[in-house]
Amino acid sequence: MSSSQEVIKPSSHDKASPSRGGFVGAEVGRGAWFLTLFAAEEIPAAIVTYVALLMLLQLGMAPPMATFFSALLFLPWVLKSFMRSWVRRVGHFRQMLHIIEALLFVSLVLLAFSFRRGPFAVFFALLLVSLLCAWHELAARMYYERRLRPFFQLMLTAPKLACSQVAVIFTYGALIFLVGTLEVYFRQIRYSWSMACYVAAGVFLLFAFHHLIWLRSPQVGDGGAKHSVGASVKAELRIIERIRGQKGWWKSVLILFLLLLPQGLMFHARVLYLYMPQVQGGLGCTMQEIGFAQGTVGVIAFSVSLFIGRRLIKSHSLSRLFWPMAVSIVLSPFVYLCMAVWPPQSLWQLCLCTMSAQFLFGLGISVCRLPVSTISGARYRNTINMLQIPLVSTVFIVPMALSGLLVEQMGFGSYFLMNALSAPVCLLGIFLLRRRENPPAL
């Protein structure tokens, strides 16, 4: 859920003065806060994004209910832009980051404790974690932009993204593997998840202590401006109204929806397919196999392809790469269709399939920047970061929420066939919508 791969140019009153150049350079060379700030965030964010569905399934929740409640965990990321002006106007981003990280640690401990109370207590604890992650992303980005000049932000984009993906691998891969190992040893699912969440909370606490030491003086935002939550919502609504006044904005929204619809249908269904027993049409993988194939090998493939995609965009304009990337992002459901027809018979075959699907997804995900930049327009280009995560999360919620119910009614084979066939339909729709457009070159 992190949007740390983008760089926003700060406004004129936020730019570092020339006299601070030496301080900024010393800061970059002396501390690692610019890498750990977003890596720490990915630990709880990966739990609510990837691991939550497995938590609810293992606690006995039916797949339709589990996918529905897991999709609801994306709601804070849909609404986070409405808190953007409030966070910016309150300012004192260092203190805000310390407070949010303390609350995140408490919420992870609360999550570990909630396994004793059942799946709905776990869901509400996860919802709290998701809300705090969205606020942390806002405050971390604003602090980051005010501490470093745009040159250093651009230079550190790739290392920052790499550290974030390592944190995802730790959470999605190692955490699930740990849970599976504890289940084998203790034979208690709730206790195993609780212990794993305590471990995640402890690791996050180490990051929080690191930031407590290395984050420097608070950077104040618009201190003189009114900073009520209501004023923040009104400010964001005004921006949305201005964007809606632009010609053809609805076409870009539809293009984004069609680009992400096949992935949204597959996002939770792929986990269900790996987890559900063979008598119900799934592969019946162990937690260790899911953690290694999907959470480790898959995430590494996604990270590598994401890096390749970003390098290609730097060499060629995104508008020139639109169709290759659009085809790539909608192709990955075909991998799971092949898995449903020819189930993998070994772990290395499973890893090869998940690696292929994630590689295609990562290679094409950057294409979403083009419709988002068209929605924001040239005048509001700095809003692309504000819009991207909320829009992507909005597109994902409905297909993710319905995927469990559709799988239960159709079966995995028919569902993945429907998911794969949606890809050419979506590409045709995108072609018709873009036929008379001249998208901006990125």
Protein backbone atom coordinates (compact mmCIF):
# COMPACT_ATOMS: atom_id res chain seq x y z
CA MET A 1 0.00 0.00 0.00
CA SER A 2 2.94 2.31 0.36
CA SER A 3 3.39 4.93 -2.34
CA SER A 4 7.01 5.43 -1.51
CA GLN A 5 8.13 4.83 -5.08
CA GLU A 6 6.91 8.27 -6.20
CA VAL A 7 8.65 11.60 -5.65
CA ILE A 8 6.75 14.84 -5.18
CA LYS A 9 8.47 18.13 -5.62
CA PRO A 10 7.98 20.17 -2.45
CA SER A 11 6.33 23.54 -2.59
CA SER A 12 8.49 26.63 -2.52
CA HIS A 13 8.15 27.24 1.21
CA ASP A 14 9.21 23.64 1.92
CA LYS A 15 12.47 23.64 -0.06
CA ALA A 16 15.68 23.48 1.90
CA SER A 17 17.71 26.65 1.79
CA PRO A 18 21.23 26.59 0.31
CA SER A 19 22.72 26.97 3.78
CA ARG A 20 21.26 23.61 4.74
CA GLY A 21 22.88 21.73 1.85
CA GLY A 22 25.82 20.57 3.96
CA PHE A 23 23.53 19.52 6.79
CA VAL A 24 21.32 17.53 4.42
CA GLY A 25 24.34 15.82 2.86
CA ALA A 26 25.66 14.97 6.32
CA GLU A 27 22.24 13.66 7.28
CA VAL A 28 22.13 11.38 4.25
CA GLY A 29 25.58 10.02 4.97
CA ARG A 30 25.12 9.68 8.71
CA GLY A 31 21.73 8.11 9.29
CA ALA A 32 19.55 5.47 7.71
CA TRP A 33 16.23 6.99 8.70
CA PHE A 34 15.41 7.72 5.05
CA LEU A 35 15.48 3.94 4.40
CA THR A 36 13.87 2.67 7.59
CA LEU A 37 11.02 5.20 7.72
CA PHE A 38 9.07 3.47 4.97
CA ALA A 39 10.47 -0.01 5.65
CA ALA A 40 9.02 0.13 9.17
CA GLU A 41 5.64 1.10 7.77
CA GLU A 42 5.59 -1.92 5.46
CA ILE A 43 5.59 -4.38 8.40
CA PRO A 44 2.06 -3.53 9.63
CA ALA A 45 0.94 -2.53 6.10
CA ALA A 46 1.89 -5.95 4.71
CA ILE A 47 -0.01 -7.64 7.54
CA VAL A 48 -3.30 -5.90 6.67
CA THR A 49 -2.71 -6.19 2.90
CA TYR A 50 -1.46 -9.76 2.45
CA VAL A 51 -1.54 -11.68 5.72
CA ALA A 52 -4.97 -10.68 7.07
CA LEU A 53 -6.87 -13.05 4.77
CA LEU A 54 -4.90 -16.05 6.01
CA MET A 55 -5.48 -14.95 9.61
CA LEU A 56 -9.25 -14.86 9.15
CA LEU A 57 -9.33 -18.13 7.22
CA GLN A 58 -7.35 -19.97 9.86
CA LEU A 59 -9.63 -18.62 12.58
CA GLY A 60 -12.54 -20.42 10.91
CA MET A 61 -14.13 -17.62 8.88
CA ALA A 62 -15.72 -18.79 5.61
CA PRO A 63 -13.96 -17.66 2.41
CA PRO A 64 -16.75 -15.25 1.28
CA MET A 65 -16.72 -13.52 4.66
CA ALA A 66 -12.92 -13.58 4.89
CA THR A 67 -12.43 -11.91 1.51
CA PHE A 68 -15.16 -9.36 2.29
CA PHE A 69 -13.64 -8.26 5.60
CA SER A 70 -10.10 -8.35 4.20
CA ALA A 71 -11.21 -5.99 1.42
CA LEU A 72 -12.67 -3.59 4.00
CA LEU A 73 -9.16 -3.17 5.43
CA PHE A 74 -8.36 -1.09 2.33
CA LEU A 75 -10.90 1.59 3.31
CA PRO A 76 -8.43 3.73 5.34
CA TRP A 77 -6.21 3.93 2.24
CA VAL A 78 -9.19 5.04 0.15
CA LEU A 79 -9.98 7.84 2.61
CA LYS A 80 -6.45 8.81 3.61
CA SER A 81 -6.23 11.75 1.20
CA PHE A 82 -8.99 13.51 3.13
CA MET A 83 -6.61 13.68 6.11
CA ARG A 84 -3.73 15.02 4.00
CA SER A 85 -4.39 18.72 4.60
CA TRP A 86 -4.95 18.11 8.31
CA VAL A 87 -1.63 16.30 8.70
CA ARG A 88 0.17 18.99 6.69
CA ARG A 89 -1.38 21.86 8.64
CA VAL A 90 -0.86 20.35 12.06
CA GLY A 91 2.86 20.06 11.19
CA HIS A 92 5.48 18.85 13.70
CA PHE A 93 5.85 15.73 11.59
CA ARG A 94 8.57 14.21 13.78
CA GLN A 95 6.37 14.25 16.89
CA MET A 96 3.46 12.97 14.84
CA LEU A 97 5.58 10.09 13.49
CA HIS A 98 6.71 9.14 17.00
CA ILE A 99 3.11 9.16 18.26
CA ILE A 100 1.80 7.13 15.31
CA GLU A 101 4.62 4.59 15.60
CA ALA A 102 3.92 4.19 19.30
CA LEU A 103 0.24 3.65 18.52
CA LEU A 104 1.16 1.17 15.77
CA PHE A 105 3.22 -0.84 18.24
CA VAL A 106 0.30 -0.87 20.68
CA SER A 107 -2.10 -1.86 17.89
CA LEU A 108 0.14 -4.78 16.86
CA VAL A 109 0.23 -5.96 20.47
CA LEU A 110 -3.55 -5.56 20.57
CA LEU A 111 -3.76 -7.64 17.38
CA ALA A 112 -1.69 -10.38 18.98
CA PHE A 113 -3.98 -10.34 22.03
CA SER A 114 -7.19 -10.28 19.92
CA PHE A 115 -6.67 -13.85 18.65
CA ARG A 116 -8.05 -15.03 21.97
CA ARG A 117 -11.33 -13.23 21.21
CA GLY A 118 -12.11 -14.57 17.74
CA PRO A 119 -12.04 -13.44 14.10
CA PHE A 120 -14.12 -10.28 14.49
CA ALA A 121 -11.86 -8.96 17.25
CA VAL A 122 -8.92 -9.67 14.94
CA PHE A 123 -10.66 -7.77 12.12
CA PHE A 124 -11.21 -4.63 14.22
CA ALA A 125 -7.61 -4.74 15.43
CA LEU A 126 -6.46 -5.04 11.79
CA LEU A 127 -8.68 -2.09 10.83
CA LEU A 128 -6.98 0.02 13.50
CA VAL A 129 -3.56 -1.03 12.19
CA SER A 130 -4.61 -0.11 8.64
CA LEU A 131 -5.83 3.34 9.74
CA LEU A 132 -2.58 4.09 11.56
CA CYS A 133 -0.53 2.86 8.56
CA ALA A 134 -2.36 5.30 6.28
CA TRP A 135 -1.63 8.20 8.66
CA HIS A 136 1.98 7.10 9.02
CA GLU A 137 2.42 7.14 5.25
CA LEU A 138 1.15 10.73 5.08
CA ALA A 139 3.33 12.01 7.91
CA ALA A 140 6.41 10.07 6.74
CA ARG A 141 6.16 11.44 3.22
CA MET A 142 5.76 15.03 4.41
CA TYR A 143 8.67 14.71 6.82
CA TYR A 144 10.80 13.06 4.14
CA GLU A 145 10.07 15.79 1.60
CA ARG A 146 10.97 18.55 4.03
CA ARG A 147 14.17 16.96 5.30
CA LEU A 148 15.72 16.20 1.90
CA ARG A 149 16.03 18.21 -1.26
CA PRO A 150 14.38 16.85 -4.43
CA PHE A 151 17.81 15.72 -5.71
CA PHE A 152 18.34 13.48 -2.66
CA GLN A 153 14.73 12.26 -2.81
CA LEU A 154 15.27 11.12 -6.38
CA MET A 155 18.64 9.56 -5.56
CA LEU A 156 17.18 7.58 -2.64
CA THR A 157 14.02 6.39 -4.39
CA ALA A 158 15.46 3.03 -5.48
CA PRO A 159 17.13 2.20 -2.09
CA LYS A 160 13.97 3.25 -0.28
CA LEU A 161 11.84 1.01 -2.48
CA ALA A 162 14.28 -1.89 -1.99
CA CYS A 163 14.09 -1.57 1.81
CA SER A 164 10.30 -1.44 1.66
CA GLN A 165 10.17 -4.64 -0.38
CA VAL A 166 12.57 -6.39 2.01
CA ALA A 167 10.17 -5.48 4.83
CA VAL A 168 7.29 -6.98 2.81
CA ILE A 169 9.30 -10.19 2.31
CA PHE A 170 9.99 -10.35 6.04
CA THR A 171 6.31 -9.88 6.88
CA TYR A 172 4.57 -11.78 4.10
CA GLY A 173 7.18 -14.51 3.74
CA ALA A 174 9.03 -15.01 7.02
CA LEU A 175 6.05 -14.24 9.28
CA ILE A 176 3.81 -16.80 7.57
CA PHE A 177 6.63 -19.34 7.59
CA LEU A 178 7.05 -18.70 11.33
CA VAL A 179 3.33 -19.20 11.92
CA GLY A 180 3.37 -22.49 10.04
CA THR A 181 6.36 -23.71 12.05
CA LEU A 182 4.75 -22.72 15.35
CA GLU A 183 1.54 -24.50 14.34
CA VAL A 184 3.47 -27.71 13.73
CA TYR A 185 5.24 -27.39 17.07
CA PHE A 186 2.42 -26.16 19.37
CA ARG A 187 -0.62 -27.51 17.46
CA GLN A 188 -2.49 -24.30 18.35
CA ILE A 189 -3.41 -21.93 15.52
CA ARG A 190 -4.43 -18.94 17.66
CA TYR A 191 -1.35 -19.16 19.86
CA SER A 192 0.90 -19.40 16.80
CA TRP A 193 -0.56 -16.28 15.19
CA SER A 194 -0.43 -14.42 18.47
CA MET A 195 3.27 -15.22 18.96
CA ALA A 196 4.07 -14.22 15.38
CA CYS A 197 2.33 -10.85 15.84
CA TYR A 198 4.30 -10.26 19.05
CA VAL A 199 7.48 -10.88 17.03
CA ALA A 200 6.33 -8.40 14.36
CA ALA A 201 5.52 -5.84 17.06
CA GLY A 202 9.00 -6.31 18.57
CA VAL A 203 10.73 -5.76 15.22
CA PHE A 204 8.60 -2.68 14.57
CA LEU A 205 9.52 -1.36 18.02
CA LEU A 206 13.22 -1.53 17.07
CA PHE A 207 12.49 0.68 14.05
CA ALA A 208 10.53 3.08 16.26
CA PHE A 209 13.47 3.40 18.68
CA HIS A 210 15.81 4.00 15.73
CA HIS A 211 13.57 6.84 14.53
CA LEU A 212 13.33 8.24 18.04
CA ILE A 213 17.11 8.66 18.01
CA TRP A 214 17.79 9.72 14.42
CA LEU A 215 14.82 11.82 13.32
CA ARG A 216 15.81 15.44 13.73
CA SER A 217 14.03 18.64 14.66
CA PRO A 218 10.33 18.79 13.86
CA GLN A 219 9.39 20.22 10.50
CA VAL A 220 6.38 22.47 10.89
CA GLY A 221 3.77 22.62 8.15
CA ASP A 222 1.29 25.44 7.69
CA GLY A 223 1.24 26.28 11.35
CA GLY A 224 -0.90 29.39 10.98
CA ALA A 225 -3.62 27.65 8.99
CA LYS A 226 -6.73 26.17 10.47
CA HIS A 227 -6.09 22.48 11.06
CA SER A 228 -9.41 20.93 11.90
CA VAL A 229 -10.42 17.64 10.33
CA GLY A 230 -13.43 19.33 8.73
CA ALA A 231 -11.22 21.92 7.06
CA SER A 232 -8.99 19.13 5.72
CA VAL A 233 -11.96 17.31 4.19
CA LYS A 234 -13.24 20.54 2.60
CA ALA A 235 -9.78 21.27 1.15
CA GLU A 236 -9.59 17.86 -0.49
CA LEU A 237 -13.16 18.11 -1.78
CA ARG A 238 -12.24 21.40 -3.47
CA ILE A 239 -9.33 19.70 -5.25
CA ILE A 240 -11.61 16.85 -6.34
CA GLU A 241 -14.17 19.34 -7.69
CA ARG A 242 -11.45 21.08 -9.71
CA ILE A 243 -10.30 17.75 -11.11
CA ARG A 244 -13.86 16.82 -12.00
CA GLY A 245 -14.07 20.04 -13.98
CA GLN A 246 -11.41 18.73 -16.35
CA LYS A 247 -12.54 17.31 -19.67
CA GLY A 248 -12.64 13.52 -19.95
CA TRP A 249 -11.60 12.72 -16.37
CA TRP A 250 -14.19 9.93 -16.20
CA LYS A 251 -12.48 8.11 -19.10
CA SER A 252 -9.25 7.96 -17.12
CA VAL A 253 -11.12 6.56 -14.11
CA LEU A 254 -12.64 3.85 -16.30
CA ILE A 255 -9.25 3.06 -17.85
CA LEU A 256 -7.75 2.65 -14.38
CA PHE A 257 -10.66 0.41 -13.37
CA LEU A 258 -10.23 -1.79 -16.45
CA LEU A 259 -6.46 -2.01 -15.96
CA LEU A 260 -6.82 -3.25 -12.39
CA LEU A 261 -10.03 -5.31 -12.59
CA PRO A 262 -8.31 -8.65 -13.49
CA GLN A 263 -5.80 -8.13 -10.68
CA GLY A 264 -8.52 -7.17 -8.21
CA LEU A 265 -10.42 -10.37 -9.00
CA MET A 266 -7.25 -12.42 -8.52
CA PHE A 267 -5.76 -10.66 -5.48
CA HIS A 268 -7.51 -12.71 -2.77
CA ALA A 269 -8.58 -15.64 -4.98
CA ARG A 270 -4.95 -16.67 -5.54
CA VAL A 271 -4.43 -17.01 -1.77
CA LEU A 272 -7.65 -18.97 -1.44
CA TYR A 273 -6.48 -21.31 -4.20
CA LEU A 274 -3.18 -21.96 -2.47
CA TYR A 275 -4.73 -22.39 0.98
CA MET A 276 -7.99 -24.31 0.42
CA PRO A 277 -7.75 -28.12 0.65
CA GLN A 278 -7.76 -30.23 -2.50
CA VAL A 279 -11.23 -31.60 -1.82
CA GLN A 280 -12.52 -28.04 -2.22
CA GLY A 281 -10.56 -27.42 -5.43
CA GLY A 282 -7.50 -25.72 -3.93
CA LEU A 283 -3.89 -26.84 -3.72
CA GLY A 284 -3.91 -27.43 0.04
CA CYS A 285 -0.51 -25.80 0.56
CA THR A 286 1.00 -25.57 4.01
CA MET A 287 1.66 -22.17 5.57
CA GLN A 288 5.38 -22.65 4.99
CA GLU A 289 4.79 -23.31 1.28
CA ILE A 290 2.56 -20.24 0.94
CA GLY A 291 5.09 -18.10 2.79
CA PHE A 292 7.96 -19.26 0.60
CA ALA A 293 6.25 -19.41 -2.81
CA GLN A 294 3.93 -16.39 -2.56
CA GLY A 295 5.47 -14.27 0.18
CA THR A 296 9.18 -14.71 -0.63
CA VAL A 297 9.73 -15.86 -4.22
CA GLY A 298 6.65 -13.99 -5.47
CA VAL A 299 7.52 -10.72 -3.74
CA ILE A 300 11.13 -10.89 -4.95
CA ALA A 301 9.90 -11.40 -8.53
CA PHE A 302 7.48 -8.47 -8.10
CA SER A 303 10.28 -6.22 -6.77
CA VAL A 304 12.68 -7.12 -9.60
CA SER A 305 10.05 -6.56 -12.30
CA LEU A 306 8.96 -3.30 -10.66
CA PHE A 307 12.57 -2.07 -10.84
CA ILE A 308 12.81 -3.16 -14.49
CA GLY A 309 9.57 -1.37 -15.30
CA ARG A 310 10.78 1.84 -13.67
CA ARG A 311 14.05 1.68 -15.62
CA LEU A 312 12.15 1.20 -18.87
CA ILE A 313 10.01 4.23 -18.09
CA LYS A 314 13.13 6.33 -17.59
CA SER A 315 14.42 5.26 -21.00
CA HIS A 316 11.08 5.59 -22.81
CA SER A 317 7.97 7.63 -22.10
CA LEU A 318 5.20 5.88 -20.23
CA SER A 319 2.73 6.69 -23.01
CA ARG A 320 4.93 4.71 -25.45
CA LEU A 321 5.07 1.77 -23.05
CA PHE A 322 1.38 1.89 -22.18
CA TRP A 323 0.22 -1.12 -24.22
CA PRO A 324 3.11 -3.47 -23.37
CA MET A 325 2.62 -2.69 -19.67
CA ALA A 326 -1.16 -2.91 -19.92
CA VAL A 327 -0.89 -6.36 -21.51
CA SER A 328 1.60 -7.41 -18.82
CA ILE A 329 -0.60 -6.38 -15.90
CA VAL A 330 -3.65 -8.27 -17.22
CA LEU A 331 -1.73 -11.41 -18.21
CA SER A 332 -0.97 -12.73 -14.73
CA PRO A 333 -4.49 -14.23 -14.23
CA PHE A 334 -3.68 -16.63 -17.08
CA VAL A 335 -0.95 -18.11 -14.88
CA TYR A 336 -3.50 -19.12 -12.24
CA LEU A 337 -5.82 -20.46 -14.95
CA CYS A 338 -2.97 -22.74 -16.05
CA MET A 339 -2.40 -23.73 -12.41
CA ALA A 340 -6.07 -24.67 -12.09
CA VAL A 341 -5.91 -26.80 -15.26
CA TRP A 342 -2.46 -28.29 -14.57
CA PRO A 343 -1.88 -28.08 -10.79
CA PRO A 344 1.81 -27.84 -9.82
CA GLN A 345 3.13 -31.11 -8.47
CA SER A 346 6.13 -29.80 -6.54
CA LEU A 347 7.28 -26.75 -4.60
CA TRP A 348 9.60 -25.55 -7.36
CA GLN A 349 6.75 -25.67 -9.89
CA LEU A 350 4.56 -23.71 -7.48
CA CYS A 351 7.32 -21.12 -7.03
CA LEU A 352 7.77 -20.86 -10.80
CA CYS A 353 4.07 -20.13 -11.25
CA THR A 354 3.81 -17.55 -8.47
CA MET A 355 7.05 -15.93 -9.67
CA SER A 356 5.67 -15.61 -13.22
CA ALA A 357 2.37 -14.09 -12.06
CA GLN A 358 4.05 -11.60 -9.73
CA PHE A 359 6.67 -10.68 -12.33
CA LEU A 360 3.99 -9.80 -14.88
CA PHE A 361 2.09 -7.79 -12.26
CA GLY A 362 5.15 -5.82 -11.14
CA LEU A 363 6.27 -5.13 -14.71
CA GLY A 364 2.94 -3.55 -15.59
CA ILE A 365 1.83 -1.85 -12.37
CA SER A 366 3.56 1.44 -13.22
CA VAL A 367 1.12 1.89 -16.10
CA CYS A 368 -1.44 3.07 -13.53
CA ARG A 369 0.47 6.35 -13.28
CA LEU A 370 -0.73 7.41 -16.72
CA PRO A 371 -4.50 7.52 -16.05
CA VAL A 372 -3.85 8.93 -12.57
CA SER A 373 -1.72 11.75 -14.02
CA THR A 374 -4.45 12.42 -16.58
CA ILE A 375 -7.02 12.64 -13.79
CA SER A 376 -4.85 15.04 -11.77
CA GLY A 377 -4.06 17.14 -14.86
CA ALA A 378 -1.02 19.28 -15.57
CA ARG A 379 -2.17 21.96 -13.13
CA TYR A 380 -2.53 19.50 -10.26
CA ARG A 381 0.38 17.18 -11.17
CA ASN A 382 1.60 17.20 -7.54
CA THR A 383 -1.64 15.47 -6.54
CA ILE A 384 -0.66 12.24 -8.34
CA ASN A 385 0.63 10.74 -5.08
CA MET A 386 -2.46 11.85 -3.22
CA LEU A 387 -4.69 10.18 -5.81
CA GLN A 388 -2.83 7.01 -6.76
CA ILE A 389 -3.21 4.87 -3.64
CA PRO A 390 -6.84 5.93 -2.90
CA LEU A 391 -7.89 5.30 -6.51
CA VAL A 392 -6.11 1.94 -6.76
CA SER A 393 -7.56 0.86 -3.40
CA THR A 394 -11.06 1.93 -4.49
CA VAL A 395 -10.81 -0.12 -7.69
CA PHE A 396 -9.57 -3.16 -5.76
CA ILE A 397 -12.13 -3.23 -2.95
CA VAL A 398 -15.25 -4.46 -4.78
CA PRO A 399 -13.66 -7.32 -6.83
CA MET A 400 -11.63 -8.42 -3.80
CA ALA A 401 -14.71 -8.42 -1.57
CA LEU A 402 -16.74 -10.47 -4.07
CA SER A 403 -13.99 -12.92 -5.04
CA GLY A 404 -14.61 -15.34 -2.17
CA LEU A 405 -18.34 -15.55 -2.92
CA LEU A 406 -17.71 -16.02 -6.66
CA VAL A 407 -15.14 -18.75 -6.02
CA GLU A 408 -17.59 -20.56 -3.75
CA GLN A 409 -20.33 -20.42 -6.40
CA MET A 410 -18.20 -21.11 -9.50
CA GLY A 411 -15.27 -23.20 -8.31
CA PHE A 412 -11.65 -22.29 -8.89
CA GLY A 413 -11.44 -23.55 -12.48
CA SER A 414 -14.45 -21.59 -13.74
CA TYR A 415 -13.51 -18.54 -11.68
CA PHE A 416 -9.96 -18.33 -13.05
CA LEU A 417 -11.32 -18.87 -16.56
CA MET A 418 -13.72 -15.94 -16.06
CA ASN A 419 -10.86 -13.90 -14.57
CA ALA A 420 -8.59 -14.65 -17.53
CA LEU A 421 -11.31 -13.87 -20.08
CA SER A 422 -11.89 -10.50 -18.42
CA ALA A 423 -8.39 -9.46 -19.53
CA PRO A 424 -9.05 -9.17 -23.31
CA VAL A 425 -12.42 -7.55 -22.58
CA CYS A 426 -10.70 -4.95 -20.41
CA LEU A 427 -8.02 -4.33 -23.04
CA LEU A 428 -10.69 -3.80 -25.69
CA GLY A 429 -12.50 -1.35 -23.44
CA ILE A 430 -9.26 0.54 -22.79
CA PHE A 431 -8.55 0.69 -26.53
CA LEU A 432 -11.98 2.19 -27.23
CA LEU A 433 -11.64 4.74 -24.43
CA ARG A 434 -8.15 5.80 -25.52
CA ARG A 435 -8.92 5.92 -29.24
CA ARG A 436 -9.53 9.67 -29.30
CA GLU A 437 -7.25 10.59 -26.42
CA ASN A 438 -3.79 12.11 -26.47
CA PRO A 439 -2.40 11.09 -23.06
CA PRO A 440 0.47 13.10 -21.55
CA ALA A 441 3.96 11.64 -22.00
CA LEU A 442 5.54 10.64 -18.69
